[in-house]
Amino acid sequence: MIACDWPFNPKPTDEIFTVTGEADSSRIILQSTVRLYWDEITVENFRDIRIERRTEMDSVWTLAARIRNPFITTYIDTITDDEDLTYRVGFEDSLYNIRWAYAEVAVPKTTRISIPGDTDSLRLAYNLPVLDEGDTLLVGPGKYFGGFQFGKGVHVMAQGTWDDVILDGKFLYRVVQISAGELVGFKIQFGATAFSTPGGGIYLSGNARVRNCFITDNQASGPGGGVLLTGNGSLYNCLILRNSGQGVVTTNAHGNIINCTVVNNSIVIGAYCDSLTVRNNIITSSVSPFYDHSEYLEKITLDYNLLLDSTLGTNNISGDPEFIGTGDYHLQDTSPGIHAGHPGVEYLNRDGTRNTMGAFGGPFGE
């Protein structure tokens, strides 16, 4: 394709001016290359060759290079993202007249990054430009020190048990602040905040989801030693244990707390949580209204939980959950929480039976 930005004064050869672009065939992690080729042409009063690029979302062209040698017919561009690109190569004369030719380049897509396979740093991996909405970051065994900020629609997934893959605040930082995407399978420990800041282990907001995590031994100078839940953030299948102060505090929360086990901690319901759903959980501390305003509890959906006080909400039960014990919070076969969760098909256990309350039941359970 040949185009001119305005009447073209130089006298090119009669040869057709075309550009071809080829991306490296391997997926991008830190960076990759695109090689451009074009025809040699002759331009009177040659000034330079301009190489520019843009993505489909760009409204302006980005200058990649200027080449002063008119006999150069190839250029290697370094890229750090996996978006498809349009390149244009222009021959410019001393009067700034320019003739362009264009090339479309399909860039291999990176949908999954692994630690330590692709990089050792969780923070670096998450912030790579190639990690986009819907992509997956697989995190291998190790202890990763906080605090982490997750704001992209990415699935951050631990590869191992809670003893294997740990996010640790060292009592210096909030461990995780997450507002988008999903955090799955981590042990989250030793978070701390100062100056009345909430959410020592996790500050969960936006439309983010935290599931299958073990949240323990965190503290905050504000509400929510374990988790501060707000917005449309949700907790699924988490074990919440031994956090200083409250295990979970909700405020202006409209998401879900489903199939969690809360031991030696409470879930405290704050204001403006009208559409919050608390369902299929085992909570061995009382579900207390924030600042003792009972009307907060009356405005949420609180059902099919095992609580100390089953008169709260609807369809809740009480009793000894009958954990296996010695740090194992799976349920014994005689537990009242077995197959006692919400009967809806969306909550069925993975084997198709009715939901079992607590962190190990439901579709995200074992």
Protein backbone atom coordinates (compact mmCIF):
# COMPACT_ATOMS: atom_id res chain seq x y z
CA MET A 1 0.00 0.00 0.00
CA ILE A 2 1.37 3.46 -0.96
CA ALA A 3 0.17 6.73 0.47
CA CYS A 4 1.29 10.35 0.54
CA ASP A 5 0.60 12.84 3.31
CA TRP A 6 0.62 15.65 0.72
CA PRO A 7 1.75 16.06 -2.95
CA PHE A 8 4.99 14.20 -3.29
CA ASN A 9 7.76 16.20 -4.98
CA PRO A 10 10.69 13.76 -5.08
CA LYS A 11 10.97 11.46 -8.02
CA PRO A 12 10.88 7.85 -6.86
CA THR A 13 11.75 4.93 -9.07
CA ASP A 14 9.01 3.14 -10.94
CA GLU A 15 9.37 0.15 -8.60
CA ILE A 16 6.50 -0.55 -6.22
CA PHE A 17 7.34 0.49 -2.65
CA THR A 18 6.15 -2.16 -0.18
CA VAL A 19 6.90 -3.07 3.43
CA THR A 20 6.83 -6.53 5.03
CA GLY A 21 6.85 -7.13 8.77
CA GLU A 22 7.54 -10.36 10.69
CA ALA A 23 7.31 -10.82 14.44
CA ASP A 24 9.45 -13.30 16.33
CA SER A 25 7.54 -16.57 16.41
CA SER A 26 7.98 -17.11 20.17
CA ARG A 27 5.77 -15.57 22.85
CA ILE A 28 6.93 -12.38 24.53
CA ILE A 29 8.02 -12.29 28.15
CA LEU A 30 10.26 -9.28 28.71
CA GLN A 31 10.72 -8.29 25.09
CA SER A 32 10.77 -9.56 21.52
CA THR A 33 11.51 -8.28 18.02
CA VAL A 34 9.79 -7.39 14.77
CA ARG A 35 11.83 -7.36 11.56
CA LEU A 36 10.77 -4.99 8.78
CA TYR A 37 11.82 -5.22 5.13
CA TRP A 38 11.12 -2.74 2.36
CA ASP A 39 12.05 -2.04 -1.24
CA GLU A 40 14.93 0.21 -2.09
CA ILE A 41 13.79 3.39 -3.82
CA THR A 42 15.53 6.55 -5.00
CA VAL A 43 14.44 9.92 -3.65
CA GLU A 44 15.93 13.25 -4.73
CA ASN A 45 17.21 15.36 -1.84
CA PHE A 46 16.77 12.42 0.52
CA ARG A 47 16.60 13.40 4.17
CA ASP A 48 15.81 10.20 6.12
CA ILE A 49 13.69 7.08 6.44
CA ARG A 50 11.04 7.31 9.16
CA ILE A 51 9.73 4.16 10.84
CA GLU A 52 6.60 4.49 12.95
CA ARG A 53 4.17 2.09 14.63
CA ARG A 54 0.82 2.02 16.38
CA THR A 55 -1.66 -0.43 17.85
CA GLU A 56 -5.34 -0.61 17.06
CA MET A 57 -6.06 1.42 20.20
CA ASP A 58 -3.53 4.17 19.47
CA SER A 59 -4.72 7.46 18.02
CA VAL A 60 -1.25 8.65 17.05
CA TRP A 61 1.84 7.05 15.55
CA THR A 62 4.93 6.39 17.67
CA LEU A 63 8.32 7.03 16.12
CA ALA A 64 10.42 3.87 16.22
CA ALA A 65 13.49 5.02 14.28
CA ARG A 66 15.02 7.49 11.82
CA ILE A 67 17.53 6.11 9.35
CA ARG A 68 19.89 8.47 7.50
CA ASN A 69 21.18 5.92 5.02
CA PRO A 70 18.86 5.64 1.95
CA PHE A 71 20.24 2.22 1.05
CA ILE A 72 19.10 0.52 4.27
CA THR A 73 16.17 -1.81 3.56
CA THR A 74 15.60 -3.52 6.89
CA TYR A 75 15.04 -2.61 10.53
CA ILE A 76 14.65 -4.67 13.72
CA ASP A 77 12.24 -3.15 16.24
CA THR A 78 12.14 -4.18 19.92
CA ILE A 79 8.68 -4.60 21.44
CA THR A 80 7.56 -5.32 25.02
CA ASP A 81 3.83 -5.98 24.52
CA ASP A 82 1.84 -8.57 22.58
CA GLU A 83 -0.59 -6.27 20.80
CA ASP A 84 -0.80 -6.51 17.01
CA LEU A 85 0.94 -3.61 15.28
CA THR A 86 0.72 -1.52 12.15
CA TYR A 87 4.03 -0.17 10.88
CA ARG A 88 4.67 2.49 8.31
CA VAL A 89 7.98 3.25 6.62
CA GLY A 90 8.34 6.67 5.04
CA PHE A 91 10.97 8.16 2.71
CA GLU A 92 11.30 11.88 3.46
CA ASP A 93 13.03 14.57 1.43
CA SER A 94 14.66 17.81 2.54
CA LEU A 95 11.33 19.66 2.11
CA TYR A 96 9.67 17.20 4.51
CA ASN A 97 7.58 15.61 1.81
CA ILE A 98 7.14 11.94 2.59
CA ARG A 99 5.89 8.76 0.93
CA TRP A 100 4.61 5.97 3.19
CA ALA A 101 4.13 2.24 2.84
CA TYR A 102 2.37 0.12 5.48
CA ALA A 103 2.63 -3.36 6.99
CA GLU A 104 0.35 -5.20 9.44
CA VAL A 105 2.18 -7.40 11.95
CA ALA A 106 0.45 -10.09 14.04
CA VAL A 107 2.30 -10.49 17.36
CA PRO A 108 2.21 -13.87 19.17
CA LYS A 109 -0.03 -13.66 22.23
CA THR A 110 1.25 -14.32 25.75
CA THR A 111 -1.63 -15.59 27.88
CA ARG A 112 0.31 -17.25 30.68
CA ILE A 113 3.44 -16.38 32.64
CA SER A 114 5.01 -18.61 35.26
CA ILE A 115 7.27 -18.05 38.23
CA PRO A 116 10.04 -19.15 38.31
CA GLY A 117 9.87 -20.47 34.73
CA ASP A 118 9.74 -17.05 33.05
CA THR A 119 10.97 -14.75 35.84
CA ASP A 120 11.72 -14.97 39.55
CA SER A 121 9.92 -11.80 40.60
CA LEU A 122 6.19 -11.81 41.30
CA ARG A 123 6.03 -8.03 41.23
CA LEU A 124 7.91 -7.80 37.92
CA ALA A 125 5.84 -10.58 36.35
CA TYR A 126 2.53 -9.00 37.31
CA ASN A 127 3.52 -5.61 35.88
CA LEU A 128 4.71 -6.95 32.53
CA PRO A 129 2.82 -5.26 29.67
CA VAL A 130 2.03 -8.64 28.11
CA LEU A 131 -0.05 -9.71 31.12
CA ASP A 132 -3.52 -8.54 30.14
CA GLU A 133 -7.16 -8.96 31.10
CA GLY A 134 -7.99 -12.66 31.38
CA ASP A 135 -4.35 -13.84 31.37
CA THR A 136 -2.90 -16.13 34.05
CA LEU A 137 0.13 -15.70 36.29
CA LEU A 138 1.22 -19.03 37.79
CA VAL A 139 3.28 -18.62 40.98
CA GLY A 140 5.47 -21.52 42.02
CA PRO A 141 6.58 -22.49 45.54
CA GLY A 142 8.36 -19.85 47.57
CA LYS A 143 7.88 -17.02 50.04
CA TYR A 144 7.13 -13.68 48.39
CA PHE A 145 7.34 -10.58 50.53
CA GLY A 146 4.60 -7.91 50.31
CA GLY A 147 2.98 -5.62 49.80
CA PHE A 148 1.49 -6.42 46.45
CA GLN A 149 -0.93 -4.30 44.45
CA PHE A 150 -3.07 -6.17 41.95
CA GLY A 151 -5.23 -3.97 39.74
CA LYS A 152 -5.49 -5.89 36.45
CA GLY A 153 -8.05 -8.51 35.47
CA VAL A 154 -5.47 -11.29 35.80
CA HIS A 155 -5.74 -14.72 37.46
CA VAL A 156 -2.85 -14.93 39.96
CA MET A 157 -2.71 -18.59 40.93
CA ALA A 158 -0.47 -20.42 43.39
CA GLN A 159 1.04 -23.69 42.23
CA GLY A 160 1.27 -25.72 45.41
CA THR A 161 -0.18 -26.01 48.90
CA TRP A 162 -0.59 -23.24 51.47
CA ASP A 163 2.71 -24.36 52.99
CA ASP A 164 4.40 -24.02 49.61
CA VAL A 165 3.31 -20.63 48.24
CA ILE A 166 3.25 -17.80 50.77
CA LEU A 167 2.71 -14.04 50.54
CA ASP A 168 4.31 -12.52 53.64
CA GLY A 169 4.09 -8.95 54.93
CA LYS A 170 6.84 -9.39 57.56
CA PHE A 171 4.61 -7.26 59.86
CA LEU A 172 5.82 -4.28 57.84
CA TYR A 173 3.25 -4.05 55.03
CA ARG A 174 -0.30 -4.89 54.10
CA VAL A 175 0.24 -8.11 52.19
CA VAL A 176 -2.18 -7.57 49.27
CA GLN A 177 -4.30 -4.78 47.88
CA ILE A 178 -6.46 -6.14 45.06
CA SER A 179 -9.14 -4.34 43.04
CA ALA A 180 -9.43 -6.51 39.92
CA GLY A 181 -8.81 -10.08 38.80
CA GLU A 182 -8.44 -13.11 41.03
CA LEU A 183 -6.01 -14.30 43.70
CA VAL A 184 -6.10 -18.08 44.22
CA GLY A 185 -4.43 -20.58 46.51
CA PHE A 186 -1.98 -18.55 48.61
CA LYS A 187 -1.17 -18.42 52.29
CA ILE A 188 -1.34 -14.75 53.27
CA GLN A 189 0.41 -14.00 56.54
CA PHE A 190 2.10 -11.45 58.78
CA GLY A 191 0.53 -8.37 57.21
CA ALA A 192 0.34 -5.14 59.20
CA THR A 193 -0.80 -1.57 58.76
CA ALA A 194 -0.25 1.64 60.70
CA PHE A 195 -2.02 4.98 61.17
CA SER A 196 -5.55 3.52 61.37
CA THR A 197 -5.21 1.91 57.94
CA PRO A 198 -7.59 -1.05 57.38
CA GLY A 199 -6.96 -4.49 55.92
CA GLY A 200 -3.71 -5.91 57.27
CA GLY A 201 -3.78 -9.10 55.22
CA ILE A 202 -5.92 -8.03 52.26
CA TYR A 203 -7.68 -4.87 51.16
CA LEU A 204 -10.23 -6.31 48.74
CA SER A 205 -12.22 -3.94 46.53
CA GLY A 206 -13.43 -3.33 42.98
CA ASN A 207 -14.67 -6.54 41.40
CA ALA A 208 -11.74 -8.67 42.56
CA ARG A 209 -12.08 -12.17 43.94
CA VAL A 210 -9.89 -13.96 46.49
CA ARG A 211 -10.46 -17.70 46.77
CA ASN A 212 -8.91 -20.82 48.26
CA CYS A 213 -6.54 -18.71 50.34
CA PHE A 214 -5.40 -19.18 53.95
CA ILE A 215 -5.44 -15.76 55.63
CA THR A 216 -3.75 -15.92 59.02
CA ASP A 217 -1.74 -13.99 61.61
CA ASN A 218 -2.31 -10.55 60.11
CA GLN A 219 -3.01 -7.33 61.96
CA ALA A 220 -4.19 -3.81 61.19
CA SER A 221 -4.30 -0.54 63.07
CA GLY A 222 -7.70 0.05 61.45
CA PRO A 223 -10.61 -2.34 60.80
CA GLY A 224 -10.04 -5.78 59.35
CA GLY A 225 -6.91 -7.43 60.66
CA GLY A 226 -7.38 -10.20 58.11
CA VAL A 227 -9.49 -8.63 55.34
CA LEU A 228 -11.18 -5.33 54.64
CA LEU A 229 -13.91 -6.05 52.06
CA THR A 230 -15.54 -3.26 50.06
CA GLY A 231 -17.04 -2.62 46.64
CA ASN A 232 -17.88 -5.74 44.64
CA GLY A 233 -14.95 -7.72 46.00
CA SER A 234 -15.66 -11.32 47.04
CA LEU A 235 -14.17 -14.08 49.19
CA TYR A 236 -14.63 -17.74 48.24
CA ASN A 237 -13.37 -20.85 50.02
CA CYS A 238 -10.90 -19.10 52.27
CA LEU A 239 -9.69 -20.23 55.69
CA ILE A 240 -9.50 -17.17 57.93
CA LEU A 241 -7.70 -17.87 61.18
CA ARG A 242 -6.09 -16.09 64.10
CA ASN A 243 -5.89 -12.58 62.67
CA SER A 244 -5.57 -9.79 65.21
CA GLY A 245 -8.91 -8.08 65.73
CA GLN A 246 -11.54 -9.02 63.19
CA GLY A 247 -11.07 -11.65 60.53
CA VAL A 248 -13.17 -9.77 57.98
CA VAL A 249 -14.73 -6.32 58.10
CA THR A 250 -17.14 -5.23 55.37
CA THR A 251 -18.09 -1.67 54.52
CA ASN A 252 -19.97 -0.48 51.46
CA ALA A 253 -19.60 -4.08 50.26
CA HIS A 254 -21.78 -5.64 47.56
CA GLY A 255 -20.00 -8.88 46.72
CA ASN A 256 -19.99 -12.33 48.30
CA ILE A 257 -18.48 -14.21 51.23
CA ILE A 258 -19.13 -17.83 50.30
CA ASN A 259 -17.83 -21.16 51.60
CA CYS A 260 -15.27 -19.70 53.97
CA THR A 261 -14.19 -21.06 57.36
CA VAL A 262 -13.57 -18.42 60.02
CA VAL A 263 -11.92 -19.62 63.22
CA ASN A 264 -10.97 -17.49 66.23
CA ASN A 265 -12.08 -14.45 64.24
CA SER A 266 -15.35 -12.71 63.47
CA ILE A 267 -16.96 -11.30 60.35
CA VAL A 268 -18.08 -7.77 61.13
CA ILE A 269 -20.75 -6.26 58.90
CA GLY A 270 -20.49 -2.52 58.41
CA ALA A 271 -22.69 0.09 56.79
CA TYR A 272 -23.95 0.22 53.19
CA CYS A 273 -23.64 -3.51 52.50
CA ASP A 274 -27.23 -3.94 51.30
CA SER A 275 -26.48 -6.46 48.53
CA LEU A 276 -23.72 -8.40 50.32
CA THR A 277 -24.25 -12.19 50.42
CA VAL A 278 -22.79 -14.27 53.28
CA ARG A 279 -23.54 -17.93 52.54
CA ASN A 280 -22.27 -21.49 53.14
CA ASN A 281 -19.68 -20.37 55.69
CA ILE A 282 -18.58 -21.83 59.02
CA ILE A 283 -18.01 -19.01 61.48
CA THR A 284 -17.03 -20.01 64.99
CA SER A 285 -17.18 -16.44 66.29
CA SER A 286 -20.38 -14.43 66.36
CA VAL A 287 -21.28 -12.41 63.28
CA SER A 288 -21.39 -9.00 64.90
CA PRO A 289 -22.89 -5.87 63.43
CA PHE A 290 -20.40 -3.05 62.97
CA TYR A 291 -20.58 -0.59 65.86
CA ASP A 292 -23.44 -2.72 67.27
CA HIS A 293 -25.99 -1.42 64.76
CA SER A 294 -28.10 -4.51 64.16
CA GLU A 295 -29.83 -2.96 61.16
CA TYR A 296 -26.68 -3.57 59.12
CA LEU A 297 -27.14 -7.34 59.45
CA GLU A 298 -30.80 -7.14 58.51
CA LYS A 299 -29.97 -5.63 55.12
CA ILE A 300 -27.59 -8.36 53.90
CA THR A 301 -28.28 -11.92 52.73
CA LEU A 302 -27.09 -14.12 55.59
CA ASP A 303 -28.14 -17.72 55.01
CA TYR A 304 -27.03 -21.37 55.03
CA ASN A 305 -24.14 -20.75 57.43
CA LEU A 306 -23.02 -22.60 60.53
CA LEU A 307 -22.95 -19.96 63.28
CA LEU A 308 -22.85 -19.84 67.03
CA ASP A 309 -26.20 -18.02 66.87
CA SER A 310 -28.47 -19.60 64.26
CA THR A 311 -31.23 -17.06 64.90
CA LEU A 312 -29.30 -14.57 62.78
CA GLY A 313 -30.37 -14.48 59.14
CA THR A 314 -32.29 -17.40 57.60
CA ASN A 315 -31.64 -21.12 57.14
CA ASN A 316 -28.57 -20.96 59.36
CA ILE A 317 -27.59 -23.73 61.74
CA SER A 318 -25.53 -23.91 64.91
CA GLY A 319 -23.45 -26.52 66.65
CA ASP A 320 -19.95 -27.90 66.83
CA PRO A 321 -18.57 -27.91 63.26
CA GLU A 322 -16.51 -31.00 64.20
CA PHE A 323 -13.24 -30.11 62.56
CA ILE A 324 -10.80 -32.98 62.21
CA GLY A 325 -8.52 -31.09 64.61
CA THR A 326 -4.82 -30.42 65.23
CA GLY A 327 -4.82 -27.59 62.73
CA ASP A 328 -6.91 -29.47 60.16
CA TYR A 329 -10.17 -27.62 59.46
CA HIS A 330 -11.70 -30.22 57.20
CA LEU A 331 -14.95 -31.61 58.56
CA GLN A 332 -15.51 -34.99 60.12
CA ASP A 333 -18.14 -37.17 58.45
CA THR A 334 -20.54 -36.46 61.34
CA SER A 335 -20.26 -32.66 61.06
CA PRO A 336 -23.59 -30.78 60.79
CA GLY A 337 -22.01 -28.73 57.99
CA ILE A 338 -21.78 -31.73 55.61
CA HIS A 339 -24.23 -31.19 52.69
CA ALA A 340 -25.98 -28.42 54.64
CA GLY A 341 -25.16 -25.45 52.41
CA HIS A 342 -27.40 -23.75 49.89
CA PRO A 343 -29.13 -26.40 47.70
CA GLY A 344 -28.77 -24.44 44.46
CA VAL A 345 -26.92 -26.15 41.62
CA GLU A 346 -24.45 -23.26 41.44
CA TYR A 347 -23.22 -24.25 44.93
CA LEU A 348 -22.90 -28.01 44.46
CA ASN A 349 -19.73 -29.73 45.60
CA ARG A 350 -17.34 -30.81 42.88
CA ASP A 351 -18.71 -34.36 43.06
CA GLY A 352 -22.25 -33.09 42.39
CA THR A 353 -23.57 -33.44 45.93
CA ARG A 354 -25.22 -30.65 47.90
CA ASN A 355 -22.89 -27.95 49.13
CA THR A 356 -20.80 -28.69 52.19
CA MET A 357 -20.25 -25.63 54.36
CA GLY A 358 -16.81 -24.18 54.88
CA ALA A 359 -13.61 -23.65 52.95
CA PHE A 360 -13.38 -27.11 51.42
CA GLY A 361 -16.91 -27.42 50.01
CA GLY A 362 -18.72 -26.05 46.97
CA PRO A 363 -17.58 -25.83 43.36
CA PHE A 364 -14.20 -24.34 44.33
CA GLY A 365 -13.61 -26.87 47.10
CA GLU A 366 -11.80 -30.16 47.10
